[in-house]
């Protein structure tokens, strides 16, 4: 197992999970957009691309200054800090009951 052949299936599975939330988020954006779902989708995709590019840039800067191992630890800790923020989000209104579906 030292040849690294097991890395390919692991990377494929991780890639599938990393992009799994995008269609769900896009559907939520389009549902809450009101009269212009295409414009809301464009804004969401633009912000998503910009934030992803900025994240890569700043993680690169951080890894150059403190080292790659420490930069990964900082990213992991920041991800864990985000969990309570998600739990504290307000409950959403149900649009399904308003539409009668």
C-alpha atoms as a PDB file:
ATOM      1  CA  UNK A   1       0.000   0.000   0.000  1.00  0.00           C
ATOM      2  CA  UNK A   2       2.997   2.302  -0.019  1.00  0.00           C
ATOM      3  CA  UNK A   3       2.589   2.909  -3.764  1.00  0.00           C
ATOM      4  CA  UNK A   4      -0.221   5.392  -3.243  1.00  0.00           C
ATOM      5  CA  UNK A   5      -2.818   3.611  -5.377  1.00  0.00           C
ATOM      6  CA  UNK A   6      -5.322   3.925  -2.553  1.00  0.00           C
ATOM      7  CA  UNK A   7      -5.110   7.732  -2.785  1.00  0.00           C
ATOM      8  CA  UNK A   8      -7.046   7.921  -6.056  1.00  0.00           C
ATOM      9  CA  UNK A   9     -10.299   6.396  -4.735  1.00  0.00           C
ATOM     10  CA  UNK A  10     -10.041   8.470  -1.563  1.00  0.00           C
ATOM     11  CA  UNK A  11      -9.572  11.672  -3.566  1.00  0.00           C
ATOM     12  CA  UNK A  12     -12.518  10.796  -5.821  1.00  0.00           C
ATOM     13  CA  UNK A  13     -14.807  10.276  -2.829  1.00  0.00           C
ATOM     14  CA  UNK A  14     -13.592  13.476  -1.159  1.00  0.00           C
ATOM     15  CA  UNK A  15     -14.157  15.380  -4.398  1.00  0.00           C
ATOM     16  CA  UNK A  16     -17.719  14.104  -4.627  1.00  0.00           C
ATOM     17  CA  UNK A  17     -18.470  15.172  -1.071  1.00  0.00           C
ATOM     18  CA  UNK A  18     -16.835  18.572  -1.458  1.00  0.00           C
ATOM     19  CA  UNK A  19     -19.132  19.503  -4.355  1.00  0.00           C
ATOM     20  CA  UNK A  20     -22.266  17.803  -3.007  1.00  0.00           C
ATOM     21  CA  UNK A  21     -23.692  20.907  -1.350  1.00  0.00           C
ATOM     22  CA  UNK A  22     -23.465  23.208  -4.365  1.00  0.00           C
ATOM     23  CA  UNK A  23     -26.658  22.070  -6.171  1.00  0.00           C
ATOM     24  CA  UNK A  24     -28.612  22.228  -2.918  1.00  0.00           C
ATOM     25  CA  UNK A  25     -27.400  25.746  -2.192  1.00  0.00           C
ATOM     26  CA  UNK A  26     -28.164  26.840  -5.747  1.00  0.00           C
ATOM     27  CA  UNK A  27     -31.709  25.501  -5.429  1.00  0.00           C
ATOM     28  CA  UNK A  28     -32.166  27.396  -2.164  1.00  0.00           C
ATOM     29  CA  UNK A  29     -30.841  30.598  -3.749  1.00  0.00           C
ATOM     30  CA  UNK A  30     -33.186  30.255  -6.716  1.00  0.00           C
ATOM     31  CA  UNK A  31     -36.143  29.473  -4.465  1.00  0.00           C
ATOM     32  CA  UNK A  32     -35.599  32.536  -2.296  1.00  0.00           C
ATOM     33  CA  UNK A  33     -34.787  34.847  -5.219  1.00  0.00           C
ATOM     34  CA  UNK A  34     -38.340  35.874  -5.907  1.00  0.00           C
ATOM     35  CA  UNK A  35     -38.809  37.267  -9.405  1.00  0.00           C
ATOM     36  CA  UNK A  36     -35.263  36.914 -10.749  1.00  0.00           C
ATOM     37  CA  UNK A  37     -33.723  33.535  -9.942  1.00  0.00           C
ATOM     38  CA  UNK A  38     -31.177  33.820 -12.766  1.00  0.00           C
ATOM     39  CA  UNK A  39     -29.733  37.037 -11.339  1.00  0.00           C
ATOM     40  CA  UNK A  40     -29.581  35.541  -7.850  1.00  0.00           C
ATOM     41  CA  UNK A  41     -27.884  32.440  -9.234  1.00  0.00           C
ATOM     42  CA  UNK A  42     -25.327  34.606 -11.034  1.00  0.00           C
ATOM     43  CA  UNK A  43     -24.585  36.589  -7.887  1.00  0.00           C
ATOM     44  CA  UNK A  44     -24.244  33.375  -5.875  1.00  0.00           C
ATOM     45  CA  UNK A  45     -21.887  31.802  -8.410  1.00  0.00           C
ATOM     46  CA  UNK A  46     -19.788  34.968  -8.607  1.00  0.00           C
ATOM     47  CA  UNK A  47     -19.462  35.259  -4.841  1.00  0.00           C
ATOM     48  CA  UNK A  48     -18.740  31.537  -4.540  1.00  0.00           C
ATOM     49  CA  UNK A  49     -15.938  31.767  -7.109  1.00  0.00           C
ATOM     50  CA  UNK A  50     -14.408  34.898  -5.569  1.00  0.00           C
ATOM     51  CA  UNK A  51     -14.520  33.530  -2.018  1.00  0.00           C
ATOM     52  CA  UNK A  52     -12.967  30.246  -3.139  1.00  0.00           C
ATOM     53  CA  UNK A  53     -10.150  32.044  -4.923  1.00  0.00           C
ATOM     54  CA  UNK A  54      -9.528  34.293  -1.917  1.00  0.00           C
ATOM     55  CA  UNK A  55      -9.506  31.295   0.411  1.00  0.00           C
ATOM     56  CA  UNK A  56      -6.836  29.567  -1.679  1.00  0.00           C
ATOM     57  CA  UNK A  57      -4.786  32.768  -1.780  1.00  0.00           C
ATOM     58  CA  UNK A  58      -4.914  33.360   1.981  1.00  0.00           C
ATOM     59  CA  UNK A  59      -4.261  29.726   2.881  1.00  0.00           C
ATOM     60  CA  UNK A  60      -1.228  29.904   0.586  1.00  0.00           C
ATOM     61  CA  UNK A  61      -0.001  33.052   2.315  1.00  0.00           C
ATOM     62  CA  UNK A  62      -0.593  31.485   5.705  1.00  0.00           C
ATOM     63  CA  UNK A  63       1.223  28.285   4.745  1.00  0.00           C
ATOM     64  CA  UNK A  64       4.188  30.312   3.476  1.00  0.00           C
ATOM     65  CA  UNK A  65       4.422  32.225   6.735  1.00  0.00           C
ATOM     66  CA  UNK A  66       3.685  29.570   9.389  1.00  0.00           C
ATOM     67  CA  UNK A  67       4.120  26.302   7.495  1.00  0.00           C
ATOM     68  CA  UNK A  68       1.746  23.954   5.727  1.00  0.00           C
ATOM     69  CA  UNK A  69       0.997  21.746   8.740  1.00  0.00           C
ATOM     70  CA  UNK A  70       0.047  24.675  10.948  1.00  0.00           C
ATOM     71  CA  UNK A  71      -2.013  26.235   8.151  1.00  0.00           C
ATOM     72  CA  UNK A  72      -4.055  23.027   7.844  1.00  0.00           C
ATOM     73  CA  UNK A  73      -4.601  23.028  11.601  1.00  0.00           C
ATOM     74  CA  UNK A  74      -5.805  26.641  11.487  1.00  0.00           C
ATOM     75  CA  UNK A  75      -8.226  25.745   8.669  1.00  0.00           C
ATOM     76  CA  UNK A  76      -9.529  22.750  10.619  1.00  0.00           C
ATOM     77  CA  UNK A  77     -10.058  24.822  13.760  1.00  0.00           C
ATOM     78  CA  UNK A  78     -11.827  27.567  11.794  1.00  0.00           C
ATOM     79  CA  UNK A  79     -14.104  24.934  10.264  1.00  0.00           C
ATOM     80  CA  UNK A  80     -14.971  23.600  13.708  1.00  0.00           C
ATOM     81  CA  UNK A  81     -15.633  27.130  14.975  1.00  0.00           C
ATOM     82  CA  UNK A  82     -18.175  27.525  12.173  1.00  0.00           C
ATOM     83  CA  UNK A  83     -20.354  24.667  13.448  1.00  0.00           C
ATOM     84  CA  UNK A  84     -21.880  26.640  16.362  1.00  0.00           C
ATOM     85  CA  UNK A  85     -22.498  29.534  13.969  1.00  0.00           C
ATOM     86  CA  UNK A  86     -24.568  27.242  11.759  1.00  0.00           C
ATOM     87  CA  UNK A  87     -26.486  25.905  14.750  1.00  0.00           C
ATOM     88  CA  UNK A  88     -27.293  29.464  15.858  1.00  0.00           C
ATOM     89  CA  UNK A  89     -28.820  30.408  12.498  1.00  0.00           C
ATOM     90  CA  UNK A  90     -32.516  31.272  12.730  1.00  0.00           C
ATOM     91  CA  UNK A  91     -35.041  28.696  11.652  1.00  0.00           C
ATOM     92  CA  UNK A  92     -36.175  29.277   8.081  1.00  0.00           C
ATOM     93  CA  UNK A  93     -39.709  29.918   6.995  1.00  0.00           C
ATOM     94  CA  UNK A  94     -41.392  27.097   5.167  1.00  0.00           C
ATOM     95  CA  UNK A  95     -42.199  28.183   1.610  1.00  0.00           C
ATOM     96  CA  UNK A  96     -43.702  24.801   0.779  1.00  0.00           C
ATOM     97  CA  UNK A  97     -46.707  25.365   3.031  1.00  0.00           C
ATOM     98  CA  UNK A  98     -47.313  28.815   1.478  1.00  0.00           C
ATOM     99  CA  UNK A  99     -47.359  27.387  -2.035  1.00  0.00           C
ATOM    100  CA  UNK A 100     -49.750  24.631  -1.161  1.00  0.00           C
ATOM    101  CA  UNK A 101     -47.395  21.820  -2.133  1.00  0.00           C
END
